[in-house]
């Protein structure tokens, strides 16, 4: 198993994986590092996503199946018994549970429509995180890990640099951005325009 992980880390997109791991640390675990086993597993997940960056989907259900596999991989790291299950608890400001599956299907349909050659990758990254983390929080565990793995996949698909979470080397700057993230999660009706502007200026400008 560890030989397989080592081979994964040594593959061509290794530098990109390094940045993605740093991204997760910066946005999910400010001031700390992933445990070695977590980092190694996350690299395996990201390599899975990178290898499938050019996959084509004939219809939305094909994209939905791909996303379910990705969610399962991410949440195996979190040791969830049913890693593909939707969020099971009501949370203020988020989509009610009774609507969650319907809204998730609408999200996948919209993502399918957005995967066009002329799509702006930066806008796509902002939209993915807004929908998956801020507005809905679809899954029981690992919502941020899942959204960032999907952003990683989308940026690789469009051969575009990743959001520069990992460039926030100044702890003060990192804390400010993380605080903004946390604040957005607390809003009853977060604004897409406000999120988009801040996200793009913070991570892509």
C-alpha atoms as a PDB file:
ATOM      1  CA  UNK A   1       0.000   0.000   0.000  1.00  0.00           C
ATOM      2  CA  UNK A   2       2.706   2.491   0.965  1.00  0.00           C
ATOM      3  CA  UNK A   3       4.626   1.643  -2.208  1.00  0.00           C
ATOM      4  CA  UNK A   4       1.505   2.571  -4.175  1.00  0.00           C
ATOM      5  CA  UNK A   5       1.212   5.838  -2.248  1.00  0.00           C
ATOM      6  CA  UNK A   6       4.879   6.622  -2.835  1.00  0.00           C
ATOM      7  CA  UNK A   7       4.451   5.996  -6.556  1.00  0.00           C
ATOM      8  CA  UNK A   8       1.434   8.282  -6.565  1.00  0.00           C
ATOM      9  CA  UNK A   9       3.336  11.120  -4.920  1.00  0.00           C
ATOM     10  CA  UNK A  10       6.183  10.759  -7.406  1.00  0.00           C
ATOM     11  CA  UNK A  11       3.968  11.096 -10.485  1.00  0.00           C
ATOM     12  CA  UNK A  12       4.097  14.047 -12.885  1.00  0.00           C
ATOM     13  CA  UNK A  13       1.476  16.248 -11.152  1.00  0.00           C
ATOM     14  CA  UNK A  14       3.429  16.031  -7.888  1.00  0.00           C
ATOM     15  CA  UNK A  15       4.007  19.789  -7.620  1.00  0.00           C
ATOM     16  CA  UNK A  16       0.305  20.406  -8.196  1.00  0.00           C
ATOM     17  CA  UNK A  17      -0.542  17.876  -5.489  1.00  0.00           C
ATOM     18  CA  UNK A  18       1.860  19.614  -3.099  1.00  0.00           C
ATOM     19  CA  UNK A  19      -0.001  22.877  -3.586  1.00  0.00           C
ATOM     20  CA  UNK A  20      -3.407  21.225  -3.185  1.00  0.00           C
ATOM     21  CA  UNK A  21      -2.330  19.635   0.107  1.00  0.00           C
ATOM     22  CA  UNK A  22      -1.090  23.025   1.319  1.00  0.00           C
ATOM     23  CA  UNK A  23      -4.402  24.540   0.234  1.00  0.00           C
ATOM     24  CA  UNK A  24      -6.335  22.144   2.447  1.00  0.00           C
ATOM     25  CA  UNK A  25      -4.078  22.896   5.385  1.00  0.00           C
ATOM     26  CA  UNK A  26      -4.445  26.645   4.923  1.00  0.00           C
ATOM     27  CA  UNK A  27      -8.233  26.687   4.597  1.00  0.00           C
ATOM     28  CA  UNK A  28      -9.305  23.806   6.821  1.00  0.00           C
ATOM     29  CA  UNK A  29      -6.571  23.576   9.428  1.00  0.00           C
ATOM     30  CA  UNK A  30      -5.052  27.036   9.918  1.00  0.00           C
ATOM     31  CA  UNK A  31      -1.722  26.944  11.683  1.00  0.00           C
ATOM     32  CA  UNK A  32      -1.441  23.159  11.557  1.00  0.00           C
ATOM     33  CA  UNK A  33      -0.432  20.335   9.258  1.00  0.00           C
ATOM     34  CA  UNK A  34      -2.144  17.194   8.115  1.00  0.00           C
ATOM     35  CA  UNK A  35      -0.938  14.006   9.751  1.00  0.00           C
ATOM     36  CA  UNK A  36       1.367  12.031   7.447  1.00  0.00           C
ATOM     37  CA  UNK A  37      -1.263   9.340   6.859  1.00  0.00           C
ATOM     38  CA  UNK A  38      -3.914  11.962   6.039  1.00  0.00           C
ATOM     39  CA  UNK A  39      -1.599  13.784   3.650  1.00  0.00           C
ATOM     40  CA  UNK A  40      -0.634  10.585   1.891  1.00  0.00           C
ATOM     41  CA  UNK A  41      -4.243   9.542   1.473  1.00  0.00           C
ATOM     42  CA  UNK A  42      -5.322  12.984   0.267  1.00  0.00           C
ATOM     43  CA  UNK A  43      -2.591  12.796  -2.371  1.00  0.00           C
ATOM     44  CA  UNK A  44      -4.054   9.495  -3.558  1.00  0.00           C
ATOM     45  CA  UNK A  45      -7.487  11.138  -3.838  1.00  0.00           C
ATOM     46  CA  UNK A  46      -6.060  14.089  -5.769  1.00  0.00           C
ATOM     47  CA  UNK A  47      -4.119  11.827  -8.087  1.00  0.00           C
ATOM     48  CA  UNK A  48      -7.365   9.971  -8.804  1.00  0.00           C
ATOM     49  CA  UNK A  49      -8.976  13.307  -9.710  1.00  0.00           C
ATOM     50  CA  UNK A  50      -6.002  14.421 -11.821  1.00  0.00           C
ATOM     51  CA  UNK A  51      -5.984  11.206 -13.829  1.00  0.00           C
ATOM     52  CA  UNK A  52      -9.662  11.817 -14.667  1.00  0.00           C
ATOM     53  CA  UNK A  53      -9.327  15.500 -15.554  1.00  0.00           C
ATOM     54  CA  UNK A  54     -10.230  14.915 -19.208  1.00  0.00           C
ATOM     55  CA  UNK A  55     -13.130  12.542 -18.655  1.00  0.00           C
ATOM     56  CA  UNK A  56     -16.172  13.280 -20.831  1.00  0.00           C
ATOM     57  CA  UNK A  57     -19.750  12.997 -19.615  1.00  0.00           C
ATOM     58  CA  UNK A  58     -22.532  12.191 -22.048  1.00  0.00           C
ATOM     59  CA  UNK A  59     -25.227  13.311 -19.616  1.00  0.00           C
ATOM     60  CA  UNK A  60     -25.536  14.694 -16.075  1.00  0.00           C
ATOM     61  CA  UNK A  61     -26.039  11.260 -14.512  1.00  0.00           C
ATOM     62  CA  UNK A  62     -22.522  10.296 -15.658  1.00  0.00           C
ATOM     63  CA  UNK A  63     -21.117  13.334 -13.878  1.00  0.00           C
ATOM     64  CA  UNK A  64     -23.160  12.485 -10.787  1.00  0.00           C
ATOM     65  CA  UNK A  65     -21.670   8.977 -10.703  1.00  0.00           C
ATOM     66  CA  UNK A  66     -18.165  10.401 -11.019  1.00  0.00           C
ATOM     67  CA  UNK A  67     -18.825  12.799  -8.133  1.00  0.00           C
ATOM     68  CA  UNK A  68     -20.214  10.021  -5.915  1.00  0.00           C
ATOM     69  CA  UNK A  69     -17.015   8.028  -6.394  1.00  0.00           C
ATOM     70  CA  UNK A  70     -14.963  11.109  -5.549  1.00  0.00           C
ATOM     71  CA  UNK A  71     -17.036  11.828  -2.432  1.00  0.00           C
ATOM     72  CA  UNK A  72     -16.570   8.225  -1.325  1.00  0.00           C
ATOM     73  CA  UNK A  73     -12.806   8.464  -1.767  1.00  0.00           C
ATOM     74  CA  UNK A  74     -12.545  11.722   0.180  1.00  0.00           C
ATOM     75  CA  UNK A  75     -14.677  10.460   3.043  1.00  0.00           C
ATOM     76  CA  UNK A  76     -12.916   7.129   3.361  1.00  0.00           C
ATOM     77  CA  UNK A  77     -10.152   9.310   4.752  1.00  0.00           C
ATOM     78  CA  UNK A  78     -12.642  10.564   7.352  1.00  0.00           C
ATOM     79  CA  UNK A  79     -13.577   6.963   8.253  1.00  0.00           C
ATOM     80  CA  UNK A  80     -17.275   7.482   7.606  1.00  0.00           C
ATOM     81  CA  UNK A  81     -19.290   4.254   7.453  1.00  0.00           C
ATOM     82  CA  UNK A  82     -21.532   5.554   4.666  1.00  0.00           C
ATOM     83  CA  UNK A  83     -19.247   8.074   2.967  1.00  0.00           C
ATOM     84  CA  UNK A  84     -21.664   8.927   0.166  1.00  0.00           C
ATOM     85  CA  UNK A  85     -24.589   9.897   2.390  1.00  0.00           C
ATOM     86  CA  UNK A  86     -26.054  13.377   2.416  1.00  0.00           C
ATOM     87  CA  UNK A  87     -25.829  15.643   5.427  1.00  0.00           C
ATOM     88  CA  UNK A  88     -28.089  14.239   8.154  1.00  0.00           C
ATOM     89  CA  UNK A  89     -28.566  17.236  10.455  1.00  0.00           C
ATOM     90  CA  UNK A  90     -30.384  20.488   9.915  1.00  0.00           C
ATOM     91  CA  UNK A  91     -28.106  23.510  10.039  1.00  0.00           C
ATOM     92  CA  UNK A  92     -29.273  27.082  10.195  1.00  0.00           C
ATOM     93  CA  UNK A  93     -28.785  28.938   6.936  1.00  0.00           C
ATOM     94  CA  UNK A  94     -28.277  25.773   4.863  1.00  0.00           C
ATOM     95  CA  UNK A  95     -30.644  23.909   2.555  1.00  0.00           C
ATOM     96  CA  UNK A  96     -33.257  21.920   4.552  1.00  0.00           C
ATOM     97  CA  UNK A  97     -32.667  18.173   4.565  1.00  0.00           C
ATOM     98  CA  UNK A  98     -35.945  17.455   2.762  1.00  0.00           C
ATOM     99  CA  UNK A  99     -34.667  19.450  -0.223  1.00  0.00           C
ATOM    100  CA  UNK A 100     -31.052  18.369  -0.178  1.00  0.00           C
ATOM    101  CA  UNK A 101     -31.099  15.521  -2.696  1.00  0.00           C
ATOM    102  CA  UNK A 102     -33.158  17.579  -5.172  1.00  0.00           C
ATOM    103  CA  UNK A 103     -30.830  20.570  -4.781  1.00  0.00           C
ATOM    104  CA  UNK A 104     -27.762  18.357  -5.181  1.00  0.00           C
ATOM    105  CA  UNK A 105     -29.114  16.974  -8.441  1.00  0.00           C
ATOM    106  CA  UNK A 106     -29.716  20.540  -9.625  1.00  0.00           C
ATOM    107  CA  UNK A 107     -26.128  21.401  -8.643  1.00  0.00           C
ATOM    108  CA  UNK A 108     -24.794  18.503 -10.720  1.00  0.00           C
ATOM    109  CA  UNK A 109     -26.968  19.492 -13.683  1.00  0.00           C
ATOM    110  CA  UNK A 110     -25.667  23.054 -13.463  1.00  0.00           C
ATOM    111  CA  UNK A 111     -22.067  21.880 -13.174  1.00  0.00           C
ATOM    112  CA  UNK A 112     -22.588  19.690 -16.244  1.00  0.00           C
ATOM    113  CA  UNK A 113     -23.784  22.736 -18.210  1.00  0.00           C
ATOM    114  CA  UNK A 114     -20.859  24.827 -16.983  1.00  0.00           C
ATOM    115  CA  UNK A 115     -18.178  22.378 -18.168  1.00  0.00           C
ATOM    116  CA  UNK A 116     -17.801  24.111 -21.518  1.00  0.00           C
ATOM    117  CA  UNK A 117     -14.581  25.042 -23.358  1.00  0.00           C
ATOM    118  CA  UNK A 118     -15.226  28.760 -22.858  1.00  0.00           C
ATOM    119  CA  UNK A 119     -15.975  28.502 -19.112  1.00  0.00           C
ATOM    120  CA  UNK A 120     -13.938  30.815 -16.871  1.00  0.00           C
ATOM    121  CA  UNK A 121     -12.088  28.390 -14.543  1.00  0.00           C
ATOM    122  CA  UNK A 122     -11.765  30.959 -11.760  1.00  0.00           C
ATOM    123  CA  UNK A 123     -15.502  31.644 -11.722  1.00  0.00           C
ATOM    124  CA  UNK A 124     -16.097  27.901 -11.770  1.00  0.00           C
ATOM    125  CA  UNK A 125     -13.881  27.393  -8.709  1.00  0.00           C
ATOM    126  CA  UNK A 126     -15.673  30.175  -6.820  1.00  0.00           C
ATOM    127  CA  UNK A 127     -19.071  28.736  -7.766  1.00  0.00           C
ATOM    128  CA  UNK A 128     -18.173  25.165  -6.756  1.00  0.00           C
ATOM    129  CA  UNK A 129     -17.056  26.230  -3.276  1.00  0.00           C
ATOM    130  CA  UNK A 130     -20.031  28.556  -2.859  1.00  0.00           C
ATOM    131  CA  UNK A 131     -22.529  25.843  -3.733  1.00  0.00           C
ATOM    132  CA  UNK A 132     -20.858  22.912  -1.991  1.00  0.00           C
ATOM    133  CA  UNK A 133     -19.691  24.575   1.224  1.00  0.00           C
ATOM    134  CA  UNK A 134     -21.448  27.889   1.796  1.00  0.00           C
ATOM    135  CA  UNK A 135     -24.994  27.399   0.506  1.00  0.00           C
ATOM    136  CA  UNK A 136     -25.754  23.720   0.898  1.00  0.00           C
ATOM    137  CA  UNK A 137     -23.051  21.613   2.618  1.00  0.00           C
ATOM    138  CA  UNK A 138     -24.357  18.527   0.828  1.00  0.00           C
ATOM    139  CA  UNK A 139     -22.467  15.735   2.550  1.00  0.00           C
ATOM    140  CA  UNK A 140     -22.294  14.313   6.041  1.00  0.00           C
ATOM    141  CA  UNK A 141     -18.537  14.763   6.348  1.00  0.00           C
ATOM    142  CA  UNK A 142     -15.653  16.287   4.473  1.00  0.00           C
ATOM    143  CA  UNK A 143     -17.565  19.079   2.666  1.00  0.00           C
ATOM    144  CA  UNK A 144     -14.519  21.312   2.342  1.00  0.00           C
ATOM    145  CA  UNK A 145     -12.171  18.469   1.404  1.00  0.00           C
ATOM    146  CA  UNK A 146     -14.692  17.343  -1.210  1.00  0.00           C
ATOM    147  CA  UNK A 147     -15.187  20.820  -2.673  1.00  0.00           C
ATOM    148  CA  UNK A 148     -11.450  21.453  -2.846  1.00  0.00           C
ATOM    149  CA  UNK A 149     -10.850  18.091  -4.521  1.00  0.00           C
ATOM    150  CA  UNK A 150     -13.484  19.063  -7.097  1.00  0.00           C
ATOM    151  CA  UNK A 151     -11.885  22.493  -7.589  1.00  0.00           C
ATOM    152  CA  UNK A 152      -8.545  20.735  -8.054  1.00  0.00           C
ATOM    153  CA  UNK A 153     -10.115  18.493 -10.702  1.00  0.00           C
ATOM    154  CA  UNK A 154     -11.726  21.450 -12.497  1.00  0.00           C
ATOM    155  CA  UNK A 155      -8.510  23.492 -12.546  1.00  0.00           C
ATOM    156  CA  UNK A 156      -6.576  20.493 -13.870  1.00  0.00           C
ATOM    157  CA  UNK A 157      -9.267  19.997 -16.515  1.00  0.00           C
ATOM    158  CA  UNK A 158      -8.842  23.580 -17.730  1.00  0.00           C
ATOM    159  CA  UNK A 159      -5.044  23.546 -17.235  1.00  0.00           C
ATOM    160  CA  UNK A 160      -5.430  26.535 -14.941  1.00  0.00           C
ATOM    161  CA  UNK A 161      -3.424  27.369 -11.773  1.00  0.00           C
ATOM    162  CA  UNK A 162      -5.048  26.430  -8.495  1.00  0.00           C
ATOM    163  CA  UNK A 163      -6.507  29.063  -6.175  1.00  0.00           C
ATOM    164  CA  UNK A 164      -3.624  30.481  -4.168  1.00  0.00           C
ATOM    165  CA  UNK A 165      -4.757  29.473  -0.680  1.00  0.00           C
ATOM    166  CA  UNK A 166      -1.254  28.198  -0.022  1.00  0.00           C
ATOM    167  CA  UNK A 167       0.317  31.578  -0.854  1.00  0.00           C
ATOM    168  CA  UNK A 168      -1.150  32.993   2.356  1.00  0.00           C
ATOM    169  CA  UNK A 169       2.140  32.613   4.200  1.00  0.00           C
ATOM    170  CA  UNK A 170       1.458  35.562   6.482  1.00  0.00           C
ATOM    171  CA  UNK A 171      -0.454  34.018   9.440  1.00  0.00           C
ATOM    172  CA  UNK A 172      -2.423  37.235   9.872  1.00  0.00           C
ATOM    173  CA  UNK A 173      -3.592  37.134   6.262  1.00  0.00           C
ATOM    174  CA  UNK A 174      -4.433  33.447   6.555  1.00  0.00           C
ATOM    175  CA  UNK A 175      -6.475  34.078   9.707  1.00  0.00           C
ATOM    176  CA  UNK A 176      -8.368  36.924   8.023  1.00  0.00           C
ATOM    177  CA  UNK A 177      -9.294  34.789   5.026  1.00  0.00           C
ATOM    178  CA  UNK A 178     -10.283  31.843   7.197  1.00  0.00           C
ATOM    179  CA  UNK A 179     -12.393  34.210   9.310  1.00  0.00           C
ATOM    180  CA  UNK A 180     -14.132  35.437   6.169  1.00  0.00           C
ATOM    181  CA  UNK A 181     -14.818  31.843   5.154  1.00  0.00           C
ATOM    182  CA  UNK A 182     -16.283  31.086   8.567  1.00  0.00           C
ATOM    183  CA  UNK A 183     -18.418  34.240   8.480  1.00  0.00           C
ATOM    184  CA  UNK A 184     -19.874  33.266   5.103  1.00  0.00           C
ATOM    185  CA  UNK A 185     -20.915  29.918   6.557  1.00  0.00           C
ATOM    186  CA  UNK A 186     -22.849  31.704   9.301  1.00  0.00           C
ATOM    187  CA  UNK A 187     -24.998  33.834   6.980  1.00  0.00           C
ATOM    188  CA  UNK A 188     -28.653  32.949   6.425  1.00  0.00           C
ATOM    189  CA  UNK A 189     -28.594  34.125   2.833  1.00  0.00           C
ATOM    190  CA  UNK A 190     -25.008  34.444   1.582  1.00  0.00           C
ATOM    191  CA  UNK A 191     -24.532  36.627  -1.464  1.00  0.00           C
ATOM    192  CA  UNK A 192     -23.034  34.983  -4.536  1.00  0.00           C
ATOM    193  CA  UNK A 193     -21.793  38.342  -5.851  1.00  0.00           C
ATOM    194  CA  UNK A 194     -20.080  39.193  -2.565  1.00  0.00           C
ATOM    195  CA  UNK A 195     -18.562  35.714  -2.328  1.00  0.00           C
ATOM    196  CA  UNK A 196     -17.413  35.779  -5.957  1.00  0.00           C
ATOM    197  CA  UNK A 197     -15.713  39.165  -5.642  1.00  0.00           C
ATOM    198  CA  UNK A 198     -13.883  38.287  -2.428  1.00  0.00           C
ATOM    199  CA  UNK A 199     -12.925  34.788  -3.573  1.00  0.00           C
ATOM    200  CA  UNK A 200     -11.491  35.915  -6.904  1.00  0.00           C
ATOM    201  CA  UNK A 201      -9.587  38.842  -5.403  1.00  0.00           C
ATOM    202  CA  UNK A 202      -8.199  36.732  -2.546  1.00  0.00           C
ATOM    203  CA  UNK A 203      -7.202  33.625  -4.465  1.00  0.00           C
ATOM    204  CA  UNK A 204      -6.714  34.524  -8.136  1.00  0.00           C
ATOM    205  CA  UNK A 205      -5.820  38.249  -8.385  1.00  0.00           C
END
